[in-house]
Amino acid sequence: MGKWSSRRPSLRLAVVGAVALVACALGLAFALRPGPDRSIELGLNSAYDLPQIRKEQPEMRVLRDEICWAEIEPTRGRYRWSQADAFVADAARNGFRVLPVLDCSAPWTGLGRFVLPTASREVQDFARMVADVVGRYGPDGAFWRSHPHLPYRPASWFEVWNEPYLAEFMQNPGGPNPVTYARLVKAAVKAGRASNPRARFLIEADTTGISPSGPQVEWVDAMFAAEPDLANWIDGVAVHPYSNGASPDEYTPAGETRWQFRRIEQVHDRFAAHGAGGKPFWITEIGWATCPDRPPCVSDAQQAEYLERMLDIARSYGWVDGVLIYNYRDDQHAADAPTDMSKWYGLLRSDGTAKPAWKALSRATRR
């Protein structure tokens, strides 16, 4: 669907810390924390081929994609809803509800596409857009009232920005800044709740933000230091705990964890330390790339194995409510870019044939 499907994850780092490699070599294992085996919502990052996805994944219910401010409001005060409406309607007809990611600064603000609003006027404009989107697509929203013939599947969760902790998606001077992001989230959620009290909002988090030059900045504590009441303005936490080519079991909590799946436990601990441990977590992106140039890519068989193991771990925590796999299908030009991880995360190959992970996901949705 054109620009709706053009977003790709940033190129993940090729290696994890030296401590992790030593632990792996020695066969060290770290016990998972005990928790109930939890039923979680499974979905995909996709905005196309919805009838095919429904046919082959009949138990799946959620699809994630962006609603980009730059595209729905290209001129201040004049919305262009047609593309977003088409996606939401297509999803509803095929039995899905959407989890929109609200991002992309509008061109008339003077900001670059992935420069977060910081000035008061810019922040309020973004918040107004969020209010208008949740008022349209959320529970009892204007879109549903004007389309009574559609199956009623409103968006209940909305994610504020995508990966603001990475320099690719927070291109403000100085790079990713947790203070800037926390203030934007608070303003957006205030406006969104006023527009639609039944809408719920996800804040994006990781252990650290990564600046363009590489240094890492602590993320969660810094957000709460800037906005001490932040827990009151979020309903859940969105995480993207990519691990490159490493198994989801690989975890060295006393060492470098930034590219290990189980760092999600550290993120949860930090929110709990600020009184937000009861907020549900959503893994809104996770996956393993299968590019031919390995490592850090994995084989097709490993992709399926890691996906199933990751879901077992997520269920064990007791605080993960949803997992949305990145992504549905390899980029159509993947074969021309054998070293580009971002084009190879699909559960289907670019020709539409299924990798083993596609069947693994199907088994998981039936649990």
Protein backbone atom coordinates (compact mmCIF):
# COMPACT_ATOMS: atom_id res chain seq x y z
CA MET A 1 0.00 0.00 0.00
CA GLY A 2 2.64 2.47 -1.05
CA LYS A 3 4.03 4.59 1.74
CA TRP A 4 1.96 2.74 4.30
CA SER A 5 4.26 -0.25 3.84
CA SER A 6 7.52 1.56 3.21
CA ARG A 7 8.74 1.81 6.80
CA ARG A 8 11.52 -0.58 7.70
CA PRO A 9 13.37 -1.09 10.98
CA SER A 10 16.70 0.59 11.39
CA LEU A 11 19.70 -1.57 10.57
CA ARG A 12 20.40 -3.48 13.75
CA LEU A 13 23.90 -3.72 15.15
CA ALA A 14 25.74 -6.80 13.98
CA VAL A 15 27.17 -7.87 17.31
CA VAL A 16 26.26 -8.04 20.96
CA GLY A 17 28.63 -7.51 23.85
CA ALA A 18 31.73 -9.58 24.38
CA VAL A 19 30.35 -10.90 27.65
CA ALA A 20 27.38 -12.37 25.82
CA LEU A 21 29.65 -14.21 23.40
CA VAL A 22 31.70 -15.66 26.23
CA ALA A 23 28.56 -16.78 28.04
CA CYS A 24 27.25 -18.42 24.89
CA ALA A 25 30.55 -20.19 24.26
CA LEU A 26 30.63 -21.56 27.81
CA GLY A 27 27.02 -22.66 27.60
CA LEU A 28 25.98 -20.51 30.55
CA ALA A 29 22.25 -20.19 31.12
CA PHE A 30 20.24 -17.68 33.12
CA ALA A 31 16.99 -18.84 34.62
CA LEU A 32 13.78 -17.15 33.56
CA ARG A 33 11.79 -15.53 36.28
CA PRO A 34 8.77 -17.61 37.25
CA GLY A 35 5.45 -16.40 35.95
CA PRO A 36 2.11 -17.68 34.67
CA ASP A 37 1.89 -19.11 31.18
CA ARG A 38 -0.02 -16.21 29.71
CA SER A 39 -2.28 -16.07 26.69
CA ILE A 40 -1.07 -13.21 24.53
CA GLU A 41 -2.44 -11.43 21.48
CA LEU A 42 -0.48 -12.23 18.32
CA GLY A 43 -0.31 -10.09 15.22
CA LEU A 44 1.77 -8.78 12.35
CA ASN A 45 3.30 -5.59 11.08
CA SER A 46 1.52 -5.38 7.74
CA ALA A 47 -0.92 -3.24 5.79
CA TYR A 48 -1.36 -5.36 2.67
CA ASP A 49 -2.43 -8.86 1.53
CA LEU A 50 -4.99 -8.86 4.32
CA PRO A 51 -7.35 -11.47 2.77
CA GLN A 52 -4.40 -13.83 2.37
CA ILE A 53 -3.24 -13.27 5.93
CA ARG A 54 -6.76 -13.92 7.21
CA LYS A 55 -7.01 -17.12 5.17
CA GLU A 56 -3.69 -18.50 6.36
CA GLN A 57 -3.73 -17.12 9.92
CA PRO A 58 -7.42 -17.42 10.87
CA GLU A 59 -6.81 -16.87 14.60
CA MET A 60 -4.86 -13.62 14.21
CA ARG A 61 -6.59 -10.40 15.19
CA VAL A 62 -4.16 -7.43 15.19
CA LEU A 63 -2.19 -5.58 12.52
CA ARG A 64 0.24 -2.74 13.16
CA ASP A 65 1.21 0.03 10.77
CA GLU A 66 1.84 3.76 10.93
CA ILE A 67 -0.58 6.60 10.55
CA CYS A 68 1.82 9.28 9.46
CA TRP A 69 1.01 12.88 10.36
CA ALA A 70 2.85 14.08 7.26
CA GLU A 71 0.45 12.12 5.08
CA ILE A 72 -2.90 12.60 6.79
CA GLU A 73 -2.46 16.37 7.35
CA PRO A 74 -0.20 17.61 4.52
CA THR A 75 -1.66 21.11 4.93
CA ARG A 76 -2.40 22.51 8.33
CA GLY A 77 -6.01 21.97 9.33
CA ARG A 78 -6.89 19.99 6.18
CA TYR A 79 -6.96 16.24 6.64
CA ARG A 80 -6.60 13.67 3.92
CA TRP A 81 -8.09 10.53 5.45
CA SER A 82 -8.58 8.38 2.35
CA GLN A 83 -5.51 6.15 2.68
CA ALA A 84 -5.90 5.60 6.41
CA ASP A 85 -9.63 4.98 5.99
CA ALA A 86 -8.93 2.36 3.32
CA PHE A 87 -6.51 0.48 5.57
CA VAL A 88 -8.81 0.52 8.61
CA ALA A 89 -11.78 -0.57 6.48
CA ASP A 90 -9.80 -3.35 4.79
CA ALA A 91 -8.61 -4.57 8.16
CA ALA A 92 -12.14 -4.60 9.58
CA ARG A 93 -13.55 -6.50 6.58
CA ASN A 94 -10.90 -9.16 7.07
CA GLY A 95 -11.45 -9.53 10.81
CA PHE A 96 -8.57 -7.41 12.09
CA ARG A 97 -8.29 -4.36 14.26
CA VAL A 98 -5.37 -2.04 13.80
CA LEU A 99 -2.72 -0.80 16.20
CA PRO A 100 -1.67 2.53 14.67
CA VAL A 101 1.75 4.08 15.21
CA LEU A 102 1.32 7.87 15.26
CA ASP A 103 4.48 9.51 13.94
CA CYS A 104 6.08 11.58 11.12
CA SER A 105 6.11 15.35 11.55
CA ALA A 106 3.97 17.26 9.07
CA PRO A 107 5.92 19.27 6.47
CA TRP A 108 4.16 22.54 7.28
CA THR A 109 5.71 22.48 10.77
CA GLY A 110 9.12 23.02 9.18
CA LEU A 111 10.39 19.87 10.87
CA GLY A 112 11.97 16.93 9.11
CA ARG A 113 9.88 13.77 8.83
CA PHE A 114 11.49 12.13 11.86
CA VAL A 115 12.25 15.23 13.90
CA LEU A 116 10.06 15.20 17.00
CA PRO A 117 8.15 18.38 17.85
CA THR A 118 9.71 20.31 20.75
CA ALA A 119 8.42 23.90 20.59
CA SER A 120 5.12 24.45 22.38
CA ARG A 121 3.16 25.17 19.19
CA GLU A 122 4.59 22.12 17.43
CA VAL A 123 3.82 19.85 20.38
CA GLN A 124 0.25 21.11 20.58
CA ASP A 125 -0.22 20.59 16.84
CA PHE A 126 0.96 17.00 17.16
CA ALA A 127 -1.31 16.45 20.16
CA ARG A 128 -4.27 17.84 18.22
CA MET A 129 -3.54 15.39 15.41
CA VAL A 130 -3.45 12.51 17.90
CA ALA A 131 -6.79 13.63 19.30
CA ASP A 132 -8.30 13.73 15.82
CA VAL A 133 -6.99 10.25 14.93
CA VAL A 134 -8.24 8.55 18.09
CA GLY A 135 -11.51 10.42 17.79
CA ARG A 136 -11.88 8.97 14.32
CA TYR A 137 -10.66 5.37 14.60
CA GLY A 138 -10.95 4.61 18.32
CA PRO A 139 -13.98 3.13 20.10
CA ASP A 140 -17.23 4.73 18.90
CA GLY A 141 -15.14 6.99 16.67
CA ALA A 142 -16.40 9.09 13.80
CA PHE A 143 -15.17 6.60 11.19
CA TRP A 144 -17.28 3.82 12.67
CA ARG A 145 -20.36 6.00 12.98
CA SER A 146 -20.09 6.93 9.33
CA HIS A 147 -19.46 3.33 8.20
CA PRO A 148 -22.14 1.30 10.00
CA HIS A 149 -21.96 -1.42 7.35
CA LEU A 150 -18.41 -2.37 8.35
CA PRO A 151 -17.66 -4.95 11.05
CA TYR A 152 -17.02 -2.90 14.17
CA ARG A 153 -13.35 -3.36 15.02
CA PRO A 154 -12.09 -0.06 16.42
CA ALA A 155 -8.48 0.59 17.33
CA SER A 156 -8.18 0.35 21.09
CA TRP A 157 -4.41 0.94 21.41
CA PHE A 158 -2.35 3.74 19.85
CA GLU A 159 1.45 3.88 19.85
CA VAL A 160 3.12 7.29 20.13
CA TRP A 161 6.00 7.50 17.62
CA ASN A 162 8.22 4.68 16.40
CA GLU A 163 11.60 3.89 17.97
CA PRO A 164 12.39 7.40 19.24
CA TYR A 165 15.42 5.93 21.00
CA LEU A 166 17.15 5.33 17.63
CA ALA A 167 18.79 8.12 15.65
CA GLU A 168 17.02 7.01 12.47
CA PHE A 169 13.61 7.84 13.92
CA MET A 170 14.51 10.74 16.22
CA GLN A 171 16.58 13.01 14.06
CA ASN A 172 16.54 16.00 16.38
CA PRO A 173 19.83 17.84 16.98
CA GLY A 174 21.86 15.75 19.38
CA GLY A 175 19.97 12.58 18.56
CA PRO A 176 17.48 10.59 20.64
CA ASN A 177 16.37 12.45 23.76
CA PRO A 178 14.14 10.75 26.35
CA VAL A 179 13.08 14.10 27.82
CA THR A 180 11.78 15.37 24.48
CA TYR A 181 9.93 12.13 23.89
CA ALA A 182 8.36 11.94 27.36
CA ARG A 183 6.99 15.47 27.05
CA LEU A 184 5.55 14.72 23.62
CA VAL A 185 3.87 11.54 24.90
CA LYS A 186 2.30 13.34 27.85
CA ALA A 187 0.86 16.10 25.64
CA ALA A 188 -0.39 13.59 23.06
CA VAL A 189 -2.09 11.35 25.61
CA LYS A 190 -3.76 14.29 27.38
CA ALA A 191 -5.28 15.38 24.09
CA GLY A 192 -6.10 11.84 23.01
CA ARG A 193 -7.93 10.97 26.22
CA ALA A 194 -9.91 14.18 26.08
CA SER A 195 -11.01 13.27 22.55
CA ASN A 196 -11.72 9.60 23.24
CA PRO A 197 -11.61 8.45 26.88
CA ARG A 198 -11.69 4.81 25.83
CA ALA A 199 -8.51 5.01 23.76
CA ARG A 200 -5.36 3.54 25.30
CA PHE A 201 -1.79 4.60 24.61
CA LEU A 202 1.58 2.88 24.40
CA ILE A 203 4.86 4.62 25.17
CA GLU A 204 7.98 3.33 23.36
CA ALA A 205 10.91 2.27 25.52
CA ASP A 206 14.23 0.48 25.52
CA THR A 207 17.11 0.25 27.96
CA THR A 208 19.00 3.01 26.14
CA GLY A 209 18.78 5.47 23.33
CA ILE A 210 21.59 5.42 20.78
CA SER A 211 22.98 8.70 19.45
CA PRO A 212 24.20 9.14 15.85
CA SER A 213 27.79 8.86 17.03
CA GLY A 214 27.11 5.68 18.98
CA PRO A 215 27.04 6.59 22.70
CA GLN A 216 24.07 5.25 24.63
CA VAL A 217 21.85 7.27 26.94
CA GLU A 218 19.70 5.71 29.66
CA TRP A 219 16.06 5.91 28.59
CA VAL A 220 13.39 5.02 31.15
CA ASP A 221 14.72 6.74 34.27
CA ALA A 222 15.41 9.89 32.24
CA MET A 223 11.80 10.01 31.03
CA PHE A 224 10.46 9.78 34.57
CA ALA A 225 12.98 12.33 35.84
CA ALA A 226 11.61 14.80 33.29
CA GLU A 227 7.95 13.89 33.88
CA PRO A 228 7.55 12.39 37.38
CA ASP A 229 3.83 11.69 36.82
CA LEU A 230 4.44 9.94 33.49
CA ALA A 231 2.90 6.70 34.79
CA ASN A 232 -0.45 8.49 34.92
CA TRP A 233 -0.24 9.28 31.20
CA ILE A 234 0.54 5.87 29.77
CA ASP A 235 -1.57 2.73 29.54
CA GLY A 236 1.12 0.33 28.37
CA VAL A 237 4.69 0.03 27.12
CA ALA A 238 5.79 -0.85 23.58
CA VAL A 239 9.16 -2.55 23.16
CA HIS A 240 11.16 -3.77 20.14
CA PRO A 241 13.65 -6.21 21.71
CA TYR A 242 15.50 -7.25 18.57
CA SER A 243 18.50 -9.51 19.13
CA ASN A 244 20.03 -9.56 15.65
CA GLY A 245 21.11 -13.14 14.99
CA ALA A 246 21.17 -14.22 18.63
CA SER A 247 18.79 -16.67 20.25
CA PRO A 248 16.14 -15.13 22.51
CA ASP A 249 17.62 -17.21 25.33
CA GLU A 250 20.97 -15.43 25.16
CA TYR A 251 21.11 -13.08 28.14
CA THR A 252 23.95 -11.61 30.18
CA PRO A 253 22.26 -9.27 32.68
CA ALA A 254 25.57 -8.34 34.29
CA GLY A 255 27.00 -7.31 30.93
CA GLU A 256 25.94 -5.68 27.67
CA THR A 257 22.28 -6.48 26.91
CA ARG A 258 21.29 -3.78 24.41
CA TRP A 259 20.86 -6.28 21.57
CA GLN A 260 19.51 -9.21 23.57
CA PHE A 261 15.82 -10.09 23.60
CA ARG A 262 15.56 -10.56 27.34
CA ARG A 263 16.59 -6.98 28.07
CA ILE A 264 12.83 -6.50 28.07
CA GLU A 265 13.07 -7.68 31.69
CA GLN A 266 15.32 -4.73 32.51
CA VAL A 267 12.90 -2.33 30.83
CA HIS A 268 10.05 -3.78 32.88
CA ASP A 269 12.11 -3.43 36.07
CA ARG A 270 12.72 0.25 35.39
CA PHE A 271 9.01 0.96 34.88
CA ALA A 272 8.23 -1.01 38.04
CA ALA A 273 10.72 1.14 39.96
CA HIS A 274 8.63 4.17 38.99
CA GLY A 275 5.32 2.64 40.04
CA ALA A 276 4.37 1.46 36.56
CA GLY A 277 5.09 -2.24 36.89
CA GLY A 278 1.44 -3.07 36.39
CA LYS A 279 1.32 -1.58 32.91
CA PRO A 280 1.00 -4.24 30.19
CA PHE A 281 3.86 -4.62 27.76
CA TRP A 282 3.37 -5.02 24.02
CA ILE A 283 6.20 -6.29 21.85
CA THR A 284 5.12 -4.35 18.79
CA GLU A 285 8.12 -5.35 16.70
CA ILE A 286 10.32 -8.43 16.93
CA GLY A 287 11.89 -10.65 14.30
CA TRP A 288 14.98 -12.27 12.84
CA ALA A 289 16.32 -11.50 9.37
CA THR A 290 17.17 -14.36 7.00
CA CYS A 291 19.52 -12.61 4.57
CA PRO A 292 22.08 -14.93 2.91
CA ASP A 293 24.99 -13.02 4.43
CA ARG A 294 25.30 -14.69 7.83
CA PRO A 295 25.89 -13.73 10.58
CA PRO A 296 24.11 -11.61 11.85
CA CYS A 297 21.24 -13.02 9.81
CA VAL A 298 19.83 -16.45 10.61
CA SER A 299 18.70 -19.45 8.61
CA ASP A 300 15.04 -20.03 7.82
CA ALA A 301 14.98 -22.85 10.36
CA GLN A 302 16.54 -20.67 13.05
CA GLN A 303 14.01 -17.91 12.40
CA ALA A 304 11.17 -20.34 13.14
CA GLU A 305 12.92 -21.80 16.18
CA TYR A 306 13.68 -18.37 17.66
CA LEU A 307 10.15 -17.11 17.07
CA GLU A 308 8.62 -20.03 18.94
CA ARG A 309 11.11 -19.77 21.78
CA MET A 310 10.55 -16.01 22.07
CA LEU A 311 6.80 -16.55 22.40
CA ASP A 312 7.35 -19.15 25.12
CA ILE A 313 9.48 -16.68 27.07
CA ALA A 314 6.99 -13.83 26.55
CA ARG A 315 4.14 -15.99 27.85
CA SER A 316 6.16 -16.90 30.93
CA TYR A 317 6.49 -13.31 32.12
CA GLY A 318 2.86 -12.66 32.97
CA TRP A 319 2.98 -9.00 31.88
CA VAL A 320 3.23 -9.22 28.08
CA ASP A 321 -0.18 -8.74 26.48
CA GLY A 322 0.73 -8.81 22.80
CA VAL A 323 3.44 -9.69 20.27
CA LEU A 324 3.39 -8.32 16.73
CA ILE A 325 5.94 -9.95 14.47
CA TYR A 326 8.08 -7.89 12.11
CA ASN A 327 7.23 -8.56 9.43
CA TYR A 328 4.89 -10.23 6.99
CA ARG A 329 6.94 -10.51 3.80
CA ASP A 330 10.49 -9.86 2.59
CA ASP A 331 11.07 -6.74 0.53
CA GLN A 332 10.45 -7.30 -3.18
CA HIS A 333 14.06 -6.31 -3.89
CA ALA A 334 15.59 -8.47 -1.15
CA ALA A 335 17.42 -10.71 -3.62
CA ASP A 336 19.33 -7.68 -4.89
CA ALA A 337 20.49 -6.81 -1.36
CA PRO A 338 21.81 -10.00 0.26
CA THR A 339 23.56 -8.07 3.05
CA ASP A 340 20.70 -5.70 3.91
CA MET A 341 19.04 -7.15 7.01
CA SER A 342 16.10 -4.76 6.84
CA LYS A 343 14.77 -6.41 3.68
CA TRP A 344 14.77 -9.98 5.02
CA TYR A 345 12.61 -9.98 8.16
CA GLY A 346 9.56 -11.47 6.43
CA LEU A 347 7.84 -14.69 7.42
CA LEU A 348 7.19 -15.05 3.71
CA ARG A 349 9.83 -14.75 1.00
CA SER A 350 9.55 -11.99 -1.58
CA ASP A 351 7.96 -14.46 -4.04
CA GLY A 352 5.20 -15.20 -1.52
CA THR A 353 6.33 -18.65 -0.48
CA ALA A 354 6.25 -19.32 3.23
CA LYS A 355 9.29 -19.72 5.43
CA PRO A 356 9.03 -22.21 8.32
CA ALA A 357 8.35 -19.30 10.69
CA TRP A 358 5.00 -18.67 8.98
CA LYS A 359 3.79 -22.08 10.09
CA ALA A 360 5.35 -21.58 13.50
CA LEU A 361 3.29 -18.42 13.93
CA SER A 362 0.17 -20.25 12.82
CA ARG A 363 0.75 -22.91 15.48
CA ALA A 364 1.29 -20.21 18.08
CA THR A 365 -1.99 -18.42 17.32
CA ARG A 366 -3.86 -21.67 18.00
CA ARG A 367 -2.48 -22.10 21.52
